[in-house]
Amino acid sequence: MNKVREEKEGRQQSREDKRFGRNFLTILFSGEWVSRERAMEILPFFLFLALLALIYISDRHFAEDVARDINKGGTELKELRWEYITAKAELMHLSQQSEVAERAGELALKESVTPPVKIKVSKELLDSILKR
């Protein structure tokens, strides 16, 4: 009885082989390559592939976080640059002579209308002052 069954299976197998051919995909999808012994042999390889997939996924997430941080830093840099330019422009405006004179007027100070005078000191007088 086994011989009859084996012959039927052999004929059925040969019909499938003729119909589909013996290429990699038919072997893969037919499930012939997977047996309990074979599965135990290739289990470490599949675990290794799963570990590589996890490492790949975590690396991708880390790279996205770094890219997000870089973009955030670029945005902060632009904001700080605008604040710097604004503060510099305001300082230039406040340091103009007309603005200084206006603020000095609020403090009851008057702007000098006479130009400054250069004071000349002789060398002997300077030496005598420094010796004291």
Foldseek 3Di string as FASTA:
>chain_A
DVVVVVVVVVVVVVVVCVVPNDDPVVCVVVCPCDDPVSCVVCVVVVVVVVVVVVVVVVVVVVVVVVVVVVVVVVVVVVVVVVVVVVVVVVVVVCPDPVNVQVVCVVVVDHDDPDDDDDDDDDPVVVVVVVVD
